[in-house]
Structure formats: structure tokens, C-alpha cells
Amino acid sequence: MASAKTGRAHARVQFPGSGECSASTGISVLDHLLCLLARHGNLDLSVEVEPGGALEEAAACGRALGEALAAAGGPGGIGVGHAPADEALAQVVVEFSGRSLVVSNVDFGAARVGGIDTDVVARLFEELAAAGGLTLHIRLIEGEETEHVLEAIFKALGVALGEALAWKESHG
């Protein structure tokens, strides 16, 4: 099990896990998305964030989760995930590269879901990559409904992280 506490947030990740998730970020839709990530990544995940503004909560969550994942995975693992959510289909490729990079064809600022701006999700991904030393490539292959797009992306991210952590575990 790996954990990290960064200022306002605490995250614990165990791999392999059973997909158990306890997320308390202050943003209910983000809690739901993180639990999809855990379930599809075969991770046990616990995330707690102190209350604040949505953007700050997402950033703190991303930092803590990134640090916990880095402690669990370290450099070297690569994973690819594809996942659907109704009409949406997403692909995420992740590498524990030690270099922070997010490349995406998704305009996270274009819509709202669950009462939050989706740029909150973009901020989470930026902080996740920075704190975890991750290279993330996020591709939306198909999808219109914002909620389904985000669900597909988080499921695919979970699959990719699980694959990267499994690779790292089997290759030392």
C-alpha cells in the first residue's frame, strides 16, 4: 500500500486490490469518477480532501493521488486502457516516466457536469501527472454526453494505471 498526504488531501492506493473505493473530495461527481477509476484499475483507493473551492479540491486530490501512485508504481510502467460509457469511448495511455505531461484531444472546459466545471477535471489530471511523474495521453474516440465522456475517460485511466502497475510489479 502506498499513501501520500499533501496539504489538504490524503490518498492511499493498494495494487493489486479489489476495486474498493472511499472518496471524499467535496465534489460528488469526482468521488463517483474516482471510484470508477479504482474499480476498473483493480485498485483499492481512499481519497480525502479538506473542504475548499472546487478547483482547489481537485488540485489537492490530483497531487495526493499522483504521489500515492508514484510510490506504488515508480518509474517504468506503461499501460493502455480503453473503456466505454454508453455512447462514449475513450483511450488513455499512461507511463510512469518521471516526466509530467498531459496530452488530450478533450476540451474539458466546454461543459459542466454534476454542477462543476469540467476544467476541474483538467486541473486534477495536470496535478496527477505532475505529482506522479506521469505522462498521460487522453483520447476521446467517440462521445457527446459530458457525463459519459468523463466516465469513459476515468474507466480507461483506471485500466491503464492497473496495467502500468502490473507491468512494474512483474518487471521489478
C-alpha atoms as a PDB file:
ATOM      1  CA  MET A   1       0.000   0.000   0.000  1.00  0.00           C
ATOM      2  CA  ALA A   2       1.240   3.471  -0.857  1.00  0.00           C
ATOM      3  CA  SER A   3      -0.080   6.700   0.594  1.00  0.00           C
ATOM      4  CA  ALA A   4       0.524  10.415   0.362  1.00  0.00           C
ATOM      5  CA  LYS A   5      -0.620  13.465   2.276  1.00  0.00           C
ATOM      6  CA  THR A   6      -0.240  16.789   0.534  1.00  0.00           C
ATOM      7  CA  GLY A   7      -1.521  19.744   2.477  1.00  0.00           C
ATOM      8  CA  ARG A   8      -5.289  19.451   2.140  1.00  0.00           C
ATOM      9  CA  ALA A   9      -5.549  15.884   0.830  1.00  0.00           C
ATOM     10  CA  HIS A  10      -4.675  12.323   1.725  1.00  0.00           C
ATOM     11  CA  ALA A  11      -4.681   9.385  -0.694  1.00  0.00           C
ATOM     12  CA  ARG A  12      -3.970   5.674  -0.276  1.00  0.00           C
ATOM     13  CA  VAL A  13      -3.568   3.230  -3.142  1.00  0.00           C
ATOM     14  CA  GLN A  14      -3.162  -0.520  -2.959  1.00  0.00           C
ATOM     15  CA  PHE A  15      -2.419  -2.625  -6.009  1.00  0.00           C
ATOM     16  CA  PRO A  16      -3.481  -5.225  -6.697  1.00  0.00           C
ATOM     17  CA  GLY A  17      -6.726  -4.564  -4.961  1.00  0.00           C
ATOM     18  CA  SER A  18     -10.371  -5.427  -5.288  1.00  0.00           C
ATOM     19  CA  GLY A  19     -11.642  -2.108  -6.629  1.00  0.00           C
ATOM     20  CA  GLU A  20     -12.766  -0.835  -3.227  1.00  0.00           C
ATOM     21  CA  CYS A  21     -13.077   2.926  -3.087  1.00  0.00           C
ATOM     22  CA  SER A  22     -13.671   5.561  -0.475  1.00  0.00           C
ATOM     23  CA  ALA A  23     -13.613   9.040  -1.994  1.00  0.00           C
ATOM     24  CA  SER A  24     -14.488  12.205  -0.143  1.00  0.00           C
ATOM     25  CA  THR A  25     -13.287  15.099  -2.279  1.00  0.00           C
ATOM     26  CA  GLY A  26     -16.135  17.512  -1.655  1.00  0.00           C
ATOM     27  CA  ILE A  27     -17.214  17.073  -5.294  1.00  0.00           C
ATOM     28  CA  SER A  28     -19.708  14.202  -5.544  1.00  0.00           C
ATOM     29  CA  VAL A  29     -19.270  13.646  -9.273  1.00  0.00           C
ATOM     30  CA  LEU A  30     -15.481  13.459  -8.776  1.00  0.00           C
ATOM     31  CA  ASP A  31     -15.990  10.908  -5.993  1.00  0.00           C
ATOM     32  CA  HIS A  32     -18.018   8.808  -8.458  1.00  0.00           C
ATOM     33  CA  LEU A  33     -15.356   9.128 -11.182  1.00  0.00           C
ATOM     34  CA  LEU A  34     -12.538   8.159  -8.803  1.00  0.00           C
ATOM     35  CA  CYS A  35     -14.462   5.056  -7.762  1.00  0.00           C
ATOM     36  CA  LEU A  36     -14.835   4.094 -11.440  1.00  0.00           C
ATOM     37  CA  LEU A  37     -11.055   4.502 -11.783  1.00  0.00           C
ATOM     38  CA  ALA A  38     -10.469   2.236  -8.762  1.00  0.00           C
ATOM     39  CA  ARG A  39     -12.906  -0.443  -9.928  1.00  0.00           C
ATOM     40  CA  HIS A  40     -11.541  -0.626 -13.476  1.00  0.00           C
ATOM     41  CA  GLY A  41      -7.906  -0.409 -12.345  1.00  0.00           C
ATOM     42  CA  ASN A  42      -8.186  -3.174  -9.755  1.00  0.00           C
ATOM     43  CA  LEU A  43      -7.023  -0.641  -7.151  1.00  0.00           C
ATOM     44  CA  ASP A  44      -8.123  -0.141  -3.578  1.00  0.00           C
ATOM     45  CA  LEU A  45      -8.355   3.623  -3.296  1.00  0.00           C
ATOM     46  CA  SER A  46      -9.015   6.016  -0.449  1.00  0.00           C
ATOM     47  CA  VAL A  47      -9.026   9.779  -1.027  1.00  0.00           C
ATOM     48  CA  GLU A  48      -9.970  12.519   1.443  1.00  0.00           C
ATOM     49  CA  VAL A  49      -9.814  16.246   0.696  1.00  0.00           C
ATOM     50  CA  GLU A  50     -10.410  19.110   3.125  1.00  0.00           C
ATOM     51  CA  PRO A  51     -13.229  21.434   2.033  1.00  0.00           C
ATOM     52  CA  GLY A  52     -12.459  24.418  -0.175  1.00  0.00           C
ATOM     53  CA  GLY A  53     -13.241  25.650  -3.651  1.00  0.00           C
ATOM     54  CA  ALA A  54     -13.831  23.014  -6.337  1.00  0.00           C
ATOM     55  CA  LEU A  55     -10.648  23.855  -8.258  1.00  0.00           C
ATOM     56  CA  GLU A  56      -8.510  23.686  -5.107  1.00  0.00           C
ATOM     57  CA  GLU A  57     -10.144  20.425  -4.019  1.00  0.00           C
ATOM     58  CA  ALA A  58      -9.493  18.839  -7.430  1.00  0.00           C
ATOM     59  CA  ALA A  59      -5.882  20.040  -7.442  1.00  0.00           C
ATOM     60  CA  ALA A  60      -5.232  18.705  -3.938  1.00  0.00           C
ATOM     61  CA  CYS A  61      -6.843  15.388  -4.860  1.00  0.00           C
ATOM     62  CA  GLY A  62      -4.721  15.093  -8.004  1.00  0.00           C
ATOM     63  CA  ARG A  63      -1.495  15.865  -6.125  1.00  0.00           C
ATOM     64  CA  ALA A  64      -2.151  13.360  -3.341  1.00  0.00           C
ATOM     65  CA  LEU A  65      -3.290  10.648  -5.744  1.00  0.00           C
ATOM     66  CA  GLY A  66      -0.296  11.257  -8.018  1.00  0.00           C
ATOM     67  CA  GLU A  67       2.154  10.963  -5.122  1.00  0.00           C
ATOM     68  CA  ALA A  68       0.496   7.763  -3.878  1.00  0.00           C
ATOM     69  CA  LEU A  69       0.590   6.257  -7.377  1.00  0.00           C
ATOM     70  CA  ALA A  70       4.260   7.214  -7.787  1.00  0.00           C
ATOM     71  CA  ALA A  71       5.049   5.468  -4.509  1.00  0.00           C
ATOM     72  CA  ALA A  72       3.117   2.395  -5.673  1.00  0.00           C
ATOM     73  CA  GLY A  73       4.494   2.300  -9.208  1.00  0.00           C
ATOM     74  CA  GLY A  74       7.745   4.146  -9.530  1.00  0.00           C
ATOM     75  CA  PRO A  75       9.370   4.704 -12.931  1.00  0.00           C
ATOM     76  CA  GLY A  76       8.956   2.358 -15.870  1.00  0.00           C
ATOM     77  CA  GLY A  77       5.414   1.063 -16.035  1.00  0.00           C
ATOM     78  CA  ILE A  78       3.312   1.667 -19.142  1.00  0.00           C
ATOM     79  CA  GLY A  79      -0.379   0.906 -19.512  1.00  0.00           C
ATOM     80  CA  VAL A  80      -3.087   1.345 -22.136  1.00  0.00           C
ATOM     81  CA  GLY A  81      -6.777   1.439 -21.342  1.00  0.00           C
ATOM     82  CA  HIS A  82      -9.899   1.603 -23.483  1.00  0.00           C
ATOM     83  CA  ALA A  83     -13.346   1.951 -21.963  1.00  0.00           C
ATOM     84  CA  PRO A  84     -16.905   2.762 -22.979  1.00  0.00           C
ATOM     85  CA  ALA A  85     -19.671   4.585 -21.147  1.00  0.00           C
ATOM     86  CA  ASP A  86     -22.841   4.410 -23.192  1.00  0.00           C
ATOM     87  CA  GLU A  87     -22.099   6.280 -26.468  1.00  0.00           C
ATOM     88  CA  ALA A  88     -18.653   7.447 -25.304  1.00  0.00           C
ATOM     89  CA  LEU A  89     -15.412   5.584 -25.919  1.00  0.00           C
ATOM     90  CA  ALA A  90     -12.048   6.717 -24.547  1.00  0.00           C
ATOM     91  CA  GLN A  91      -8.433   5.607 -24.652  1.00  0.00           C
ATOM     92  CA  VAL A  92      -5.832   6.532 -22.043  1.00  0.00           C
ATOM     93  CA  VAL A  93      -2.146   5.679 -22.211  1.00  0.00           C
ATOM     94  CA  VAL A  94      -0.082   6.224 -19.071  1.00  0.00           C
ATOM     95  CA  GLU A  95       3.630   5.922 -18.409  1.00  0.00           C
ATOM     96  CA  PHE A  96       5.409   6.250 -15.076  1.00  0.00           C
ATOM     97  CA  SER A  97       8.019   8.266 -16.966  1.00  0.00           C
ATOM     98  CA  GLY A  98       9.205  10.653 -14.274  1.00  0.00           C
ATOM     99  CA  ARG A  99       8.150  13.471 -16.623  1.00  0.00           C
ATOM    100  CA  SER A 100       4.869  15.296 -16.185  1.00  0.00           C
ATOM    101  CA  LEU A 101       2.830  15.641 -19.364  1.00  0.00           C
ATOM    102  CA  VAL A 102      -0.865  15.598 -20.229  1.00  0.00           C
ATOM    103  CA  VAL A 103      -1.808  15.403 -23.907  1.00  0.00           C
ATOM    104  CA  SER A 104      -5.514  15.322 -24.685  1.00  0.00           C
ATOM    105  CA  ASN A 105      -7.960  15.914 -27.514  1.00  0.00           C
ATOM    106  CA  VAL A 106     -10.745  16.609 -24.998  1.00  0.00           C
ATOM    107  CA  ASP A 107     -11.901  20.170 -24.303  1.00  0.00           C
ATOM    108  CA  PHE A 108     -12.525  19.844 -20.573  1.00  0.00           C
ATOM    109  CA  GLY A 109     -13.660  23.466 -20.314  1.00  0.00           C
ATOM    110  CA  ALA A 110     -16.525  23.089 -22.790  1.00  0.00           C
ATOM    111  CA  ALA A 111     -19.304  21.850 -20.492  1.00  0.00           C
ATOM    112  CA  ARG A 112     -20.489  21.275 -16.938  1.00  0.00           C
ATOM    113  CA  VAL A 113     -21.446  18.037 -15.234  1.00  0.00           C
ATOM    114  CA  GLY A 114     -22.775  17.445 -11.753  1.00  0.00           C
ATOM    115  CA  GLY A 115     -22.698  21.164 -11.031  1.00  0.00           C
ATOM    116  CA  ILE A 116     -18.956  21.579 -11.637  1.00  0.00           C
ATOM    117  CA  ASP A 117     -16.947  22.971 -14.481  1.00  0.00           C
ATOM    118  CA  THR A 118     -15.172  20.163 -16.247  1.00  0.00           C
ATOM    119  CA  ASP A 119     -11.970  22.226 -16.211  1.00  0.00           C
ATOM    120  CA  VAL A 120     -11.805  20.971 -12.620  1.00  0.00           C
ATOM    121  CA  VAL A 121     -11.081  17.570 -14.174  1.00  0.00           C
ATOM    122  CA  ALA A 122      -8.355  19.080 -16.361  1.00  0.00           C
ATOM    123  CA  ARG A 123      -6.744  20.537 -13.221  1.00  0.00           C
ATOM    124  CA  LEU A 124      -6.917  17.150 -11.485  1.00  0.00           C
ATOM    125  CA  PHE A 125      -5.155  15.487 -14.452  1.00  0.00           C
ATOM    126  CA  GLU A 126      -2.436  18.174 -14.514  1.00  0.00           C
ATOM    127  CA  GLU A 127      -1.730  17.773 -10.789  1.00  0.00           C
ATOM    128  CA  LEU A 128      -1.936  13.956 -11.013  1.00  0.00           C
ATOM    129  CA  ALA A 129       0.673  13.925 -13.783  1.00  0.00           C
ATOM    130  CA  ALA A 130       2.943  16.443 -12.034  1.00  0.00           C
ATOM    131  CA  ALA A 131       2.903  14.730  -8.640  1.00  0.00           C
ATOM    132  CA  GLY A 132       3.049  11.208 -10.058  1.00  0.00           C
ATOM    133  CA  GLY A 133       5.709  11.806 -12.707  1.00  0.00           C
ATOM    134  CA  LEU A 134       3.201  10.548 -15.246  1.00  0.00           C
ATOM    135  CA  THR A 135       2.860  11.002 -18.964  1.00  0.00           C
ATOM    136  CA  LEU A 136      -0.863  10.840 -19.780  1.00  0.00           C
ATOM    137  CA  HIS A 137      -2.352  10.664 -23.257  1.00  0.00           C
ATOM    138  CA  ILE A 138      -6.128  11.023 -23.147  1.00  0.00           C
ATOM    139  CA  ARG A 139      -8.115  10.406 -26.313  1.00  0.00           C
ATOM    140  CA  LEU A 140     -11.843  10.648 -26.763  1.00  0.00           C
ATOM    141  CA  ILE A 141     -12.666   8.346 -29.643  1.00  0.00           C
ATOM    142  CA  GLU A 142     -16.420   8.948 -29.578  1.00  0.00           C
ATOM    143  CA  GLY A 143     -18.893  10.671 -27.290  1.00  0.00           C
ATOM    144  CA  GLU A 144     -21.158  13.662 -26.844  1.00  0.00           C
ATOM    145  CA  GLU A 145     -22.729  13.478 -23.376  1.00  0.00           C
ATOM    146  CA  THR A 146     -20.280  15.073 -20.906  1.00  0.00           C
ATOM    147  CA  GLU A 147     -21.033  12.679 -18.060  1.00  0.00           C
ATOM    148  CA  HIS A 148     -20.469   9.642 -20.288  1.00  0.00           C
ATOM    149  CA  VAL A 149     -17.273  11.137 -21.722  1.00  0.00           C
ATOM    150  CA  LEU A 150     -15.844  11.640 -18.229  1.00  0.00           C
ATOM    151  CA  GLU A 151     -16.913   8.175 -17.101  1.00  0.00           C
ATOM    152  CA  ALA A 152     -15.236   6.589 -20.142  1.00  0.00           C
ATOM    153  CA  ILE A 153     -12.038   8.578 -19.525  1.00  0.00           C
ATOM    154  CA  PHE A 154     -11.822   7.663 -15.829  1.00  0.00           C
ATOM    155  CA  LYS A 155     -12.566   3.990 -16.557  1.00  0.00           C
ATOM    156  CA  ALA A 156      -9.859   3.959 -19.250  1.00  0.00           C
ATOM    157  CA  LEU A 157      -7.440   5.728 -16.891  1.00  0.00           C
ATOM    158  CA  GLY A 158      -8.119   3.061 -14.271  1.00  0.00           C
ATOM    159  CA  VAL A 159      -7.449   0.259 -16.768  1.00  0.00           C
ATOM    160  CA  ALA A 160      -4.236   1.978 -17.929  1.00  0.00           C
ATOM    161  CA  LEU A 161      -2.990   2.563 -14.365  1.00  0.00           C
ATOM    162  CA  GLY A 162      -3.750  -1.030 -13.405  1.00  0.00           C
ATOM    163  CA  GLU A 163      -1.844  -2.286 -16.433  1.00  0.00           C
ATOM    164  CA  ALA A 164       1.118   0.035 -15.723  1.00  0.00           C
ATOM    165  CA  LEU A 165       1.267  -1.031 -12.079  1.00  0.00           C
ATOM    166  CA  ALA A 166       1.032  -4.710 -13.045  1.00  0.00           C
ATOM    167  CA  TRP A 167       3.837  -4.240 -15.577  1.00  0.00           C
ATOM    168  CA  LYS A 168       6.002  -2.580 -12.967  1.00  0.00           C
ATOM    169  CA  GLU A 169       5.242  -5.327 -10.452  1.00  0.00           C
ATOM    170  CA  SER A 170       6.211  -8.088 -12.903  1.00  0.00           C
ATOM    171  CA  HIS A 171       9.376  -6.319 -14.152  1.00  0.00           C
ATOM    172  CA  GLY A 172      10.691  -5.158 -10.774  1.00  0.00           C
END
